[in-house]
Amino acid sequence: MTKLPQVKPREVITALERLGFARLRTTGSHIRLKDSKGNFVSIAFRNRTLAKGTLKSILHQAGITLKELLENL
């Protein structure tokens, strides 16, 4: 298994938008995205790297693999 990289929320949001996700709304520091398949992803937008568990959860919510995320960073 590939090690999870240290990425910032802005990088993940940009990669998800390249994969077809669109921003639905922003509430406080959380950004909610949705794709055409109906997958919803909520990301806490802070100026620090995401915890590995949080990144893993985002990948699961989005229904994408780590490889797909890395290709779109």
PDB file of N, CA and C in Angstrom:
ATOM      1  N   MET A   1       0.837  -1.176   0.000  1.00  0.00           N
ATOM      2  CA  MET A   1       0.000   0.000   0.000  1.00  0.00           C
ATOM      3  C   MET A   1       0.882   1.239   0.000  1.00  0.00           C
ATOM      4  N   THR A   2       0.494   2.235  -0.757  1.00  0.00           N
ATOM      5  CA  THR A   2       1.229   3.477  -0.853  1.00  0.00           C
ATOM      6  C   THR A   2       0.989   4.314   0.399  1.00  0.00           C
ATOM      7  N   LYS A   3       2.047   4.977   0.848  1.00  0.00           N
ATOM      8  CA  LYS A   3       1.928   5.869   1.991  1.00  0.00           C
ATOM      9  C   LYS A   3       1.067   7.064   1.621  1.00  0.00           C
ATOM     10  N   LEU A   4       0.239   7.497   2.549  1.00  0.00           N
ATOM     11  CA  LEU A   4      -0.594   8.669   2.305  1.00  0.00           C
ATOM     12  C   LEU A   4       0.277   9.921   2.344  1.00  0.00           C
ATOM     13  N   PRO A   5       0.144  10.800   1.357  1.00  0.00           N
ATOM     14  CA  PRO A   5       0.956  12.013   1.337  1.00  0.00           C
ATOM     15  C   PRO A   5       0.397  13.060   2.296  1.00  0.00           C
ATOM     16  N   GLN A   6       1.217  14.024   2.623  1.00  0.00           N
ATOM     17  CA  GLN A   6       0.758  15.160   3.415  1.00  0.00           C
ATOM     18  C   GLN A   6       0.293  16.229   2.445  1.00  0.00           C
ATOM     19  N   VAL A   7      -1.000  16.492   2.441  1.00  0.00           N
ATOM     20  CA  VAL A   7      -1.564  17.482   1.530  1.00  0.00           C
ATOM     21  C   VAL A   7      -2.417  18.465   2.312  1.00  0.00           C
ATOM     22  N   LYS A   8      -2.556  19.642   1.759  1.00  0.00           N
ATOM     23  CA  LYS A   8      -3.397  20.668   2.368  1.00  0.00           C
ATOM     24  C   LYS A   8      -4.798  20.569   1.777  1.00  0.00           C
ATOM     25  N   PRO A   9      -5.801  21.044   2.502  1.00  0.00           N
ATOM     26  CA  PRO A   9      -7.180  20.970   2.010  1.00  0.00           C
ATOM     27  C   PRO A   9      -7.369  21.617   0.642  1.00  0.00           C
ATOM     28  N   ARG A  10      -6.684  22.739   0.375  1.00  0.00           N
ATOM     29  CA  ARG A  10      -6.822  23.419  -0.916  1.00  0.00           C
ATOM     30  C   ARG A  10      -6.413  22.495  -2.065  1.00  0.00           C
ATOM     31  N   GLU A  11      -5.343  21.707  -1.865  1.00  0.00           N
ATOM     32  CA  GLU A  11      -4.878  20.780  -2.902  1.00  0.00           C
ATOM     33  C   GLU A  11      -5.897  19.675  -3.149  1.00  0.00           C
ATOM     34  N   VAL A  12      -6.496  19.171  -2.082  1.00  0.00           N
ATOM     35  CA  VAL A  12      -7.496  18.108  -2.210  1.00  0.00           C
ATOM     36  C   VAL A  12      -8.741  18.634  -2.919  1.00  0.00           C
ATOM     37  N   ILE A  13      -9.175  19.834  -2.561  1.00  0.00           N
ATOM     38  CA  ILE A  13     -10.358  20.422  -3.204  1.00  0.00           C
ATOM     39  C   ILE A  13     -10.115  20.615  -4.692  1.00  0.00           C
ATOM     40  N   THR A  14      -8.938  21.125  -5.057  1.00  0.00           N
ATOM     41  CA  THR A  14      -8.596  21.316  -6.466  1.00  0.00           C
ATOM     42  C   THR A  14      -8.592  19.987  -7.208  1.00  0.00           C
ATOM     43  N   ALA A  15      -8.005  18.956  -6.607  1.00  0.00           N
ATOM     44  CA  ALA A  15      -7.963  17.634  -7.240  1.00  0.00           C
ATOM     45  C   ALA A  15      -9.370  17.069  -7.418  1.00  0.00           C
ATOM     46  N   LEU A  16     -10.223  17.234  -6.411  1.00  0.00           N
ATOM     47  CA  LEU A  16     -11.596  16.734  -6.522  1.00  0.00           C
ATOM     48  C   LEU A  16     -12.375  17.485  -7.598  1.00  0.00           C
ATOM     49  N   GLU A  17     -12.143  18.785  -7.726  1.00  0.00           N
ATOM     50  CA  GLU A  17     -12.813  19.538  -8.781  1.00  0.00           C
ATOM     51  C   GLU A  17     -12.361  19.063 -10.162  1.00  0.00           C
ATOM     52  N   ARG A  18     -11.107  18.687 -10.294  1.00  0.00           N
ATOM     53  CA  ARG A  18     -10.622  18.131 -11.563  1.00  0.00           C
ATOM     54  C   ARG A  18     -11.267  16.786 -11.860  1.00  0.00           C
ATOM     55  N   LEU A  19     -11.658  16.074 -10.806  1.00  0.00           N
ATOM     56  CA  LEU A  19     -12.306  14.773 -10.967  1.00  0.00           C
ATOM     57  C   LEU A  19     -13.815  14.884 -11.171  1.00  0.00           C
ATOM     58  N   GLY A  20     -14.337  16.100 -11.232  1.00  0.00           N
ATOM     59  CA  GLY A  20     -15.758  16.271 -11.528  1.00  0.00           C
ATOM     60  C   GLY A  20     -16.616  16.692 -10.359  1.00  0.00           C
ATOM     61  N   PHE A  21     -16.036  16.979  -9.225  1.00  0.00           N
ATOM     62  CA  PHE A  21     -16.809  17.441  -8.080  1.00  0.00           C
ATOM     63  C   PHE A  21     -17.067  18.939  -8.214  1.00  0.00           C
ATOM     64  N   ALA A  22     -18.206  19.387  -7.729  1.00  0.00           N
ATOM     65  CA  ALA A  22     -18.560  20.806  -7.744  1.00  0.00           C
ATOM     66  C   ALA A  22     -18.871  21.245  -6.315  1.00  0.00           C
ATOM     67  N   ARG A  23     -18.531  22.486  -5.998  1.00  0.00           N
ATOM     68  CA  ARG A  23     -18.816  23.027  -4.669  1.00  0.00           C
ATOM     69  C   ARG A  23     -20.307  23.273  -4.526  1.00  0.00           C
ATOM     70  N   LEU A  24     -20.868  22.767  -3.442  1.00  0.00           N
ATOM     71  CA  LEU A  24     -22.281  23.005  -3.155  1.00  0.00           C
ATOM     72  C   LEU A  24     -22.447  24.222  -2.266  1.00  0.00           C
ATOM     73  N   ARG A  25     -21.727  24.194  -1.129  1.00  0.00           N
ATOM     74  CA  ARG A  25     -21.852  25.301  -0.190  1.00  0.00           C
ATOM     75  C   ARG A  25     -20.654  25.325   0.752  1.00  0.00           C
ATOM     76  N   THR A  26     -20.506  26.448   1.404  1.00  0.00           N
ATOM     77  CA  THR A  26     -19.489  26.616   2.429  1.00  0.00           C
ATOM     78  C   THR A  26     -20.194  27.053   3.699  1.00  0.00           C
ATOM     79  N   THR A  27     -19.967  26.321   4.762  1.00  0.00           N
ATOM     80  CA  THR A  27     -20.550  26.649   6.058  1.00  0.00           C
ATOM     81  C   THR A  27     -19.416  26.739   7.062  1.00  0.00           C
ATOM     82  N   GLY A  28     -19.115  27.940   7.491  1.00  0.00           N
ATOM     83  CA  GLY A  28     -17.994  28.115   8.412  1.00  0.00           C
ATOM     84  C   GLY A  28     -16.707  27.748   7.712  1.00  0.00           C
ATOM     85  N   SER A  29     -15.975  26.798   8.278  1.00  0.00           N
ATOM     86  CA  SER A  29     -14.710  26.383   7.676  1.00  0.00           C
ATOM     87  C   SER A  29     -14.840  25.080   6.895  1.00  0.00           C
ATOM     88  N   HIS A  30     -16.064  24.617   6.644  1.00  0.00           N
ATOM     89  CA  HIS A  30     -16.282  23.369   5.924  1.00  0.00           C
ATOM     90  C   HIS A  30     -16.824  23.634   4.521  1.00  0.00           C
ATOM     91  N   ILE A  31     -16.241  22.945   3.562  1.00  0.00           N
ATOM     92  CA  ILE A  31     -16.683  23.041   2.177  1.00  0.00           C
ATOM     93  C   ILE A  31     -17.308  21.713   1.784  1.00  0.00           C
ATOM     94  N   ARG A  32     -18.477  21.765   1.192  1.00  0.00           N
ATOM     95  CA  ARG A  32     -19.203  20.558   0.780  1.00  0.00           C
ATOM     96  C   ARG A  32     -19.160  20.470  -0.736  1.00  0.00           C
ATOM     97  N   LEU A  33     -18.754  19.291  -1.253  1.00  0.00           N
ATOM     98  CA  LEU A  33     -18.667  19.058  -2.692  1.00  0.00           C
ATOM     99  C   LEU A  33     -19.539  17.863  -3.070  1.00  0.00           C
ATOM    100  N   LYS A  34     -19.966  17.836  -4.346  1.00  0.00           N
ATOM    101  CA  LYS A  34     -20.798  16.734  -4.844  1.00  0.00           C
ATOM    102  C   LYS A  34     -20.391  16.439  -6.277  1.00  0.00           C
ATOM    103  N   ASP A  35     -20.430  15.148  -6.644  1.00  0.00           N
ATOM    104  CA  ASP A  35     -20.156  14.784  -8.041  1.00  0.00           C
ATOM    105  C   ASP A  35     -21.443  14.311  -8.710  1.00  0.00           C
ATOM    106  N   SER A  36     -21.348  13.979  -9.989  1.00  0.00           N
ATOM    107  CA  SER A  36     -22.536  13.587 -10.754  1.00  0.00           C
ATOM    108  C   SER A  36     -23.106  12.244 -10.319  1.00  0.00           C
ATOM    109  N   LYS A  37     -22.311  11.415  -9.629  1.00  0.00           N
ATOM    110  CA  LYS A  37     -22.791  10.115  -9.151  1.00  0.00           C
ATOM    111  C   LYS A  37     -23.569  10.237  -7.844  1.00  0.00           C
ATOM    112  N   GLY A  38     -23.511  11.419  -7.233  1.00  0.00           N
ATOM    113  CA  GLY A  38     -24.220  11.624  -5.977  1.00  0.00           C
ATOM    114  C   GLY A  38     -23.344  11.501  -4.748  1.00  0.00           C
ATOM    115  N   ASN A  39     -22.038  11.385  -4.929  1.00  0.00           N
ATOM    116  CA  ASN A  39     -21.125  11.315  -3.787  1.00  0.00           C
ATOM    117  C   ASN A  39     -20.935  12.697  -3.190  1.00  0.00           C
ATOM    118  N   PHE A  40     -21.075  12.791  -1.870  1.00  0.00           N
ATOM    119  CA  PHE A  40     -20.859  14.039  -1.153  1.00  0.00           C
ATOM    120  C   PHE A  40     -19.568  13.943  -0.360  1.00  0.00           C
ATOM    121  N   VAL A  41     -18.822  15.039  -0.318  1.00  0.00           N
ATOM    122  CA  VAL A  41     -17.585  15.098   0.451  1.00  0.00           C
ATOM    123  C   VAL A  41     -17.594  16.405   1.225  1.00  0.00           C
ATOM    124  N   SER A  42     -17.267  16.324   2.509  1.00  0.00           N
ATOM    125  CA  SER A  42     -17.154  17.507   3.342  1.00  0.00           C
ATOM    126  C   SER A  42     -15.707  17.628   3.793  1.00  0.00           C
ATOM    127  N   ILE A  43     -15.109  18.808   3.565  1.00  0.00           N
ATOM    128  CA  ILE A  43     -13.703  19.020   3.897  1.00  0.00           C
ATOM    129  C   ILE A  43     -13.581  20.238   4.793  1.00  0.00           C
ATOM    130  N   ALA A  44     -12.890  20.070   5.914  1.00  0.00           N
ATOM    131  CA  ALA A  44     -12.607  21.201   6.798  1.00  0.00           C
ATOM    132  C   ALA A  44     -11.462  21.987   6.177  1.00  0.00           C
ATOM    133  N   PHE A  45     -11.700  23.258   5.908  1.00  0.00           N
ATOM    134  CA  PHE A  45     -10.730  24.083   5.205  1.00  0.00           C
ATOM    135  C   PHE A  45      -9.914  24.877   6.214  1.00  0.00           C
ATOM    136  N   ARG A  46      -8.705  24.385   6.486  1.00  0.00           N
ATOM    137  CA  ARG A  46      -7.778  25.061   7.385  1.00  0.00           C
ATOM    138  C   ARG A  46      -6.425  25.151   6.698  1.00  0.00           C
ATOM    139  N   ASN A  47      -5.566  26.019   7.191  1.00  0.00           N
ATOM    140  CA  ASN A  47      -4.265  26.214   6.562  1.00  0.00           C
ATOM    141  C   ASN A  47      -3.206  25.303   7.189  1.00  0.00           C
ATOM    142  N   ARG A  48      -3.478  24.011   7.221  1.00  0.00           N
ATOM    143  CA  ARG A  48      -2.516  23.026   7.693  1.00  0.00           C
ATOM    144  C   ARG A  48      -2.792  21.710   6.974  1.00  0.00           C
ATOM    145  N   THR A  49      -1.840  20.817   7.028  1.00  0.00           N
ATOM    146  CA  THR A  49      -2.009  19.551   6.309  1.00  0.00           C
ATOM    147  C   THR A  49      -3.115  18.718   6.961  1.00  0.00           C
ATOM    148  N   LEU A  50      -3.752  17.922   6.133  1.00  0.00           N
ATOM    149  CA  LEU A  50      -4.817  17.046   6.620  1.00  0.00           C
ATOM    150  C   LEU A  50      -4.215  15.856   7.364  1.00  0.00           C
ATOM    151  N   ALA A  51      -4.878  15.433   8.407  1.00  0.00           N
ATOM    152  CA  ALA A  51      -4.471  14.229   9.116  1.00  0.00           C
ATOM    153  C   ALA A  51      -4.686  13.026   8.192  1.00  0.00           C
ATOM    154  N   LYS A  52      -3.905  11.987   8.388  1.00  0.00           N
ATOM    155  CA  LYS A  52      -3.992  10.815   7.506  1.00  0.00           C
ATOM    156  C   LYS A  52      -5.373  10.169   7.562  1.00  0.00           C
ATOM    157  N   GLY A  53      -5.957  10.100   8.743  1.00  0.00           N
ATOM    158  CA  GLY A  53      -7.292   9.529   8.877  1.00  0.00           C
ATOM    159  C   GLY A  53      -8.346  10.357   8.168  1.00  0.00           C
ATOM    160  N   THR A  54      -8.174  11.676   8.213  1.00  0.00           N
ATOM    161  CA  THR A  54      -9.103  12.578   7.531  1.00  0.00           C
ATOM    162  C   THR A  54      -8.998  12.410   6.023  1.00  0.00           C
ATOM    163  N   LEU A  55      -7.767  12.327   5.516  1.00  0.00           N
ATOM    164  CA  LEU A  55      -7.576  12.125   4.080  1.00  0.00           C
ATOM    165  C   LEU A  55      -8.162  10.790   3.636  1.00  0.00           C
ATOM    166  N   LYS A  56      -7.982   9.771   4.440  1.00  0.00           N
ATOM    167  CA  LYS A  56      -8.537   8.451   4.131  1.00  0.00           C
ATOM    168  C   LYS A  56     -10.071   8.508   4.082  1.00  0.00           C
ATOM    169  N   SER A  57     -10.659   9.253   5.011  1.00  0.00           N
ATOM    170  CA  SER A  57     -12.107   9.406   5.046  1.00  0.00           C
ATOM    171  C   SER A  57     -12.615  10.166   3.818  1.00  0.00           C
ATOM    172  N   ILE A  58     -11.885  11.195   3.403  1.00  0.00           N
ATOM    173  CA  ILE A  58     -12.268  11.967   2.217  1.00  0.00           C
ATOM    174  C   ILE A  58     -12.240  11.074   0.982  1.00  0.00           C
ATOM    175  N   LEU A  59     -11.203  10.242   0.857  1.00  0.00           N
ATOM    176  CA  LEU A  59     -11.109   9.321  -0.280  1.00  0.00           C
ATOM    177  C   LEU A  59     -12.286   8.344  -0.284  1.00  0.00           C
ATOM    178  N   HIS A  60     -12.648   7.863   0.889  1.00  0.00           N
ATOM    179  CA  HIS A  60     -13.769   6.921   0.998  1.00  0.00           C
ATOM    180  C   HIS A  60     -15.084   7.603   0.626  1.00  0.00           C
ATOM    181  N   GLN A  61     -15.311   8.814   1.150  1.00  0.00           N
ATOM    182  CA  GLN A  61     -16.542   9.556   0.841  1.00  0.00           C
ATOM    183  C   GLN A  61     -16.651   9.848  -0.651  1.00  0.00           C
ATOM    184  N   ALA A  62     -15.513  10.187  -1.274  1.00  0.00           N
ATOM    185  CA  ALA A  62     -15.511  10.551  -2.692  1.00  0.00           C
ATOM    186  C   ALA A  62     -15.606   9.328  -3.595  1.00  0.00           C
ATOM    187  N   GLY A  63     -15.283   8.163  -3.064  1.00  0.00           N
ATOM    188  CA  GLY A  63     -15.319   6.956  -3.877  1.00  0.00           C
ATOM    189  C   GLY A  63     -14.177   6.902  -4.883  1.00  0.00           C
ATOM    190  N   ILE A  64     -13.020   7.454  -4.505  1.00  0.00           N
ATOM    191  CA  ILE A  64     -11.852   7.440  -5.387  1.00  0.00           C
ATOM    192  C   ILE A  64     -10.681   6.766  -4.685  1.00  0.00           C
ATOM    193  N   THR A  65      -9.693   6.397  -5.475  1.00  0.00           N
ATOM    194  CA  THR A  65      -8.501   5.767  -4.915  1.00  0.00           C
ATOM    195  C   THR A  65      -7.428   6.818  -4.677  1.00  0.00           C
ATOM    196  N   LEU A  66      -6.421   6.423  -3.922  1.00  0.00           N
ATOM    197  CA  LEU A  66      -5.289   7.313  -3.674  1.00  0.00           C
ATOM    198  C   LEU A  66      -4.568   7.634  -4.979  1.00  0.00           C
ATOM    199  N   LYS A  67      -4.476   6.647  -5.862  1.00  0.00           N
ATOM    200  CA  LYS A  67      -3.819   6.859  -7.153  1.00  0.00           C
ATOM    201  C   LYS A  67      -4.535   7.939  -7.960  1.00  0.00           C
ATOM    202  N   GLU A  68      -5.873   7.900  -7.981  1.00  0.00           N
ATOM    203  CA  GLU A  68      -6.639   8.919  -8.717  1.00  0.00           C
ATOM    204  C   GLU A  68      -6.408  10.305  -8.125  1.00  0.00           C
ATOM    205  N   LEU A  69      -6.353  10.390  -6.809  1.00  0.00           N
ATOM    206  CA  LEU A  69      -6.098  11.678  -6.160  1.00  0.00           C
ATOM    207  C   LEU A  69      -4.702  12.199  -6.522  1.00  0.00           C
ATOM    208  N   LEU A  70      -3.708  11.340  -6.433  1.00  0.00           N
ATOM    209  CA  LEU A  70      -2.337  11.749  -6.715  1.00  0.00           C
ATOM    210  C   LEU A  70      -2.154  12.193  -8.161  1.00  0.00           C
ATOM    211  N   GLU A  71      -2.861  11.567  -9.087  1.00  0.00           N
ATOM    212  CA  GLU A  71      -2.770  11.946 -10.499  1.00  0.00           C
ATOM    213  C   GLU A  71      -3.339  13.340 -10.753  1.00  0.00           C
ATOM    214  N   ASN A  72      -4.245  13.784  -9.891  1.00  0.00           N
ATOM    215  CA  ASN A  72      -4.902  15.072 -10.103  1.00  0.00           C
ATOM    216  C   ASN A  72      -4.424  16.179  -9.163  1.00  0.00           C
ATOM    217  N   LEU A  73      -3.399  15.905  -8.384  1.00  0.00           N
ATOM    218  CA  LEU A  73      -2.844  16.949  -7.509  1.00  0.00           C
ATOM    219  C   LEU A  73      -2.083  17.966  -8.305  1.00  0.00           C
TER     220      LEU A  73
END
